[in-house]
Amino acid sequence: MIQLSVVIPCKNEAENIVVLVEGIDRALSGVGAFEIIVVDDGSTDGTAAVLRARAATMPHLRVIRHDRSGGQSAAVHSGVLVARAPLICTLDGDGQNPPEELPGLVAPLLAD
């Protein structure tokens, strides 16, 4: 059972998004079952293709794509609607939030 969903709204982050997703994957590897949901908010720089390629080898990475930009709030909303876990975290797609902080953030919420 998935315990944690990480929702990432992004737009035009083709150069950064894989590094972020892989950082989240490493950071959460010992936390339990999780999924990463990236919502591509109408990117025009190839972000969708980069994400599809990475998702092919990372089954817990889910990619949602808006055909046109709706803004960060709309992207977060779309990600939360499809999340499978009872606990949801969000991170910006530009990498400004360090993924290695996630385990400490969610540990108290996942404690038995």
C-alpha atoms as a PDB file:
ATOM      1  CA  MET A   1       0.000   0.000   0.000  1.00  0.00           C
ATOM      2  CA  ILE A   2       1.338   3.414  -0.960  1.00  0.00           C
ATOM      3  CA  GLN A   3       1.909   5.590   2.110  1.00  0.00           C
ATOM      4  CA  LEU A   4       3.130   8.799   0.493  1.00  0.00           C
ATOM      5  CA  SER A   5       2.471  10.713  -2.721  1.00  0.00           C
ATOM      6  CA  VAL A   6       4.851  13.476  -3.753  1.00  0.00           C
ATOM      7  CA  VAL A   7       3.192  15.918  -6.160  1.00  0.00           C
ATOM      8  CA  ILE A   8       5.420  18.120  -8.302  1.00  0.00           C
ATOM      9  CA  PRO A   9       3.896  20.843 -10.466  1.00  0.00           C
ATOM     10  CA  CYS A  10       6.254  21.885 -13.236  1.00  0.00           C
ATOM     11  CA  LYS A  11       6.475  23.837 -16.450  1.00  0.00           C
ATOM     12  CA  ASN A  12       9.441  23.924 -18.814  1.00  0.00           C
ATOM     13  CA  GLU A  13      11.777  22.023 -16.479  1.00  0.00           C
ATOM     14  CA  ALA A  14      13.201  19.528 -19.010  1.00  0.00           C
ATOM     15  CA  GLU A  15      16.745  20.224 -17.845  1.00  0.00           C
ATOM     16  CA  ASN A  16      15.993  19.868 -14.126  1.00  0.00           C
ATOM     17  CA  ILE A  17      13.099  17.484 -13.566  1.00  0.00           C
ATOM     18  CA  VAL A  18      14.928  14.146 -13.846  1.00  0.00           C
ATOM     19  CA  VAL A  19      17.545  15.236 -11.315  1.00  0.00           C
ATOM     20  CA  LEU A  20      14.745  16.234  -8.934  1.00  0.00           C
ATOM     21  CA  VAL A  21      12.765  13.010  -9.431  1.00  0.00           C
ATOM     22  CA  GLU A  22      15.860  10.886  -8.918  1.00  0.00           C
ATOM     23  CA  GLY A  23      16.732  12.897  -5.799  1.00  0.00           C
ATOM     24  CA  ILE A  24      13.273  12.248  -4.382  1.00  0.00           C
ATOM     25  CA  ASP A  25      13.617   8.570  -5.227  1.00  0.00           C
ATOM     26  CA  ARG A  26      16.939   8.336  -3.360  1.00  0.00           C
ATOM     27  CA  ALA A  27      15.703  10.366  -0.393  1.00  0.00           C
ATOM     28  CA  LEU A  28      12.567   8.286   0.100  1.00  0.00           C
ATOM     29  CA  SER A  29      14.061   4.860  -0.611  1.00  0.00           C
ATOM     30  CA  GLY A  30      13.898   3.857   3.063  1.00  0.00           C
ATOM     31  CA  VAL A  31      10.613   5.512   3.987  1.00  0.00           C
ATOM     32  CA  GLY A  32       8.184   2.908   2.650  1.00  0.00           C
ATOM     33  CA  ALA A  33       5.950   2.719  -0.402  1.00  0.00           C
ATOM     34  CA  PHE A  34       5.622   6.014  -2.243  1.00  0.00           C
ATOM     35  CA  GLU A  35       4.755   7.471  -5.612  1.00  0.00           C
ATOM     36  CA  ILE A  36       5.992  10.564  -7.404  1.00  0.00           C
ATOM     37  CA  ILE A  37       3.427  12.448  -9.459  1.00  0.00           C
ATOM     38  CA  VAL A  38       4.764  15.101 -11.798  1.00  0.00           C
ATOM     39  CA  VAL A  39       2.168  17.398 -13.324  1.00  0.00           C
ATOM     40  CA  ASP A  40       3.507  18.948 -16.507  1.00  0.00           C
ATOM     41  CA  ASP A  41       1.572  22.192 -16.833  1.00  0.00           C
ATOM     42  CA  GLY A  42       1.688  22.687 -20.583  1.00  0.00           C
ATOM     43  CA  SER A  43       5.467  22.692 -21.035  1.00  0.00           C
ATOM     44  CA  THR A  44       6.850  23.599 -24.448  1.00  0.00           C
ATOM     45  CA  ASP A  45      10.473  22.532 -23.874  1.00  0.00           C
ATOM     46  CA  GLY A  46      10.288  18.746 -24.003  1.00  0.00           C
ATOM     47  CA  THR A  47       9.551  18.202 -20.321  1.00  0.00           C
ATOM     48  CA  ALA A  48       6.806  15.689 -21.162  1.00  0.00           C
ATOM     49  CA  ALA A  49       9.114  13.553 -23.307  1.00  0.00           C
ATOM     50  CA  VAL A  50      11.860  13.573 -20.676  1.00  0.00           C
ATOM     51  CA  LEU A  51       9.371  12.497 -18.023  1.00  0.00           C
ATOM     52  CA  ARG A  52       7.852   9.749 -20.174  1.00  0.00           C
ATOM     53  CA  ALA A  53      11.307   8.327 -20.813  1.00  0.00           C
ATOM     54  CA  ARG A  54      12.164   8.291 -17.101  1.00  0.00           C
ATOM     55  CA  ALA A  55       8.763   6.863 -16.143  1.00  0.00           C
ATOM     56  CA  ALA A  56       9.430   3.883 -18.417  1.00  0.00           C
ATOM     57  CA  THR A  57      12.107   2.706 -15.967  1.00  0.00           C
ATOM     58  CA  MET A  58      10.624   4.099 -12.745  1.00  0.00           C
ATOM     59  CA  PRO A  59       7.206   2.481 -12.157  1.00  0.00           C
ATOM     60  CA  HIS A  60       6.336   4.662  -9.168  1.00  0.00           C
ATOM     61  CA  LEU A  61       6.707   7.824 -11.286  1.00  0.00           C
ATOM     62  CA  ARG A  62       3.397   8.998 -12.696  1.00  0.00           C
ATOM     63  CA  VAL A  63       3.157  11.803 -15.222  1.00  0.00           C
ATOM     64  CA  ILE A  64       0.078  13.960 -15.693  1.00  0.00           C
ATOM     65  CA  ARG A  65       0.075  16.468 -18.526  1.00  0.00           C
ATOM     66  CA  HIS A  66      -2.040  19.583 -18.966  1.00  0.00           C
ATOM     67  CA  ASP A  67      -2.464  20.411 -22.647  1.00  0.00           C
ATOM     68  CA  ARG A  68      -2.272  24.093 -21.748  1.00  0.00           C
ATOM     69  CA  SER A  69      -0.929  25.935 -18.746  1.00  0.00           C
ATOM     70  CA  GLY A  70      -3.320  26.420 -15.863  1.00  0.00           C
ATOM     71  CA  GLY A  71      -0.761  27.617 -13.332  1.00  0.00           C
ATOM     72  CA  GLN A  72       0.868  26.094 -10.290  1.00  0.00           C
ATOM     73  CA  SER A  73      -2.315  25.798  -8.223  1.00  0.00           C
ATOM     74  CA  ALA A  74      -4.126  23.953 -11.009  1.00  0.00           C
ATOM     75  CA  ALA A  75      -1.174  21.592 -11.427  1.00  0.00           C
ATOM     76  CA  VAL A  76      -1.054  20.836  -7.697  1.00  0.00           C
ATOM     77  CA  HIS A  77      -4.813  20.262  -7.725  1.00  0.00           C
ATOM     78  CA  SER A  78      -4.536  17.792 -10.610  1.00  0.00           C
ATOM     79  CA  GLY A  79      -1.782  15.901  -8.826  1.00  0.00           C
ATOM     80  CA  VAL A  80      -3.649  15.716  -5.536  1.00  0.00           C
ATOM     81  CA  LEU A  81      -6.762  14.418  -7.305  1.00  0.00           C
ATOM     82  CA  VAL A  82      -4.891  11.397  -8.703  1.00  0.00           C
ATOM     83  CA  ALA A  83      -2.734  10.719  -5.631  1.00  0.00           C
ATOM     84  CA  ARG A  84      -3.143   7.226  -4.189  1.00  0.00           C
ATOM     85  CA  ALA A  85      -1.658   7.792  -0.737  1.00  0.00           C
ATOM     86  CA  PRO A  86      -3.283   9.239   2.374  1.00  0.00           C
ATOM     87  CA  LEU A  87      -0.290  11.556   2.865  1.00  0.00           C
ATOM     88  CA  ILE A  88       0.629  14.054   0.136  1.00  0.00           C
ATOM     89  CA  CYS A  89       3.655  16.346  -0.072  1.00  0.00           C
ATOM     90  CA  THR A  90       4.345  18.901  -2.760  1.00  0.00           C
ATOM     91  CA  LEU A  91       7.663  20.130  -4.107  1.00  0.00           C
ATOM     92  CA  ASP A  92       8.250  22.754  -6.777  1.00  0.00           C
ATOM     93  CA  GLY A  93       9.592  21.406 -10.057  1.00  0.00           C
ATOM     94  CA  ASP A  94      12.518  23.816 -10.197  1.00  0.00           C
ATOM     95  CA  GLY A  95      14.402  22.006  -7.449  1.00  0.00           C
ATOM     96  CA  GLN A  96      14.331  24.856  -4.947  1.00  0.00           C
ATOM     97  CA  ASN A  97      13.176  22.466  -2.223  1.00  0.00           C
ATOM     98  CA  PRO A  98      15.805  19.843  -1.355  1.00  0.00           C
ATOM     99  CA  PRO A  99      14.355  16.326  -1.627  1.00  0.00           C
ATOM    100  CA  GLU A 100      16.673  15.078   1.103  1.00  0.00           C
ATOM    101  CA  GLU A 101      14.499  16.995   3.588  1.00  0.00           C
ATOM    102  CA  LEU A 102      11.432  14.853   2.798  1.00  0.00           C
ATOM    103  CA  PRO A 103      12.203  11.927   5.135  1.00  0.00           C
ATOM    104  CA  GLY A 104      12.432  14.232   8.142  1.00  0.00           C
ATOM    105  CA  LEU A 105       9.278  16.036   7.107  1.00  0.00           C
ATOM    106  CA  VAL A 106       7.139  12.935   6.753  1.00  0.00           C
ATOM    107  CA  ALA A 107       8.638  10.755   9.518  1.00  0.00           C
ATOM    108  CA  PRO A 108       6.370  12.062  12.300  1.00  0.00           C
ATOM    109  CA  LEU A 109       3.340  11.632  10.062  1.00  0.00           C
ATOM    110  CA  LEU A 110       4.223   8.064   9.100  1.00  0.00           C
ATOM    111  CA  ALA A 111       5.162   6.930  12.628  1.00  0.00           C
ATOM    112  CA  ASP A 112       3.044   4.125  14.014  1.00  0.00           C
END
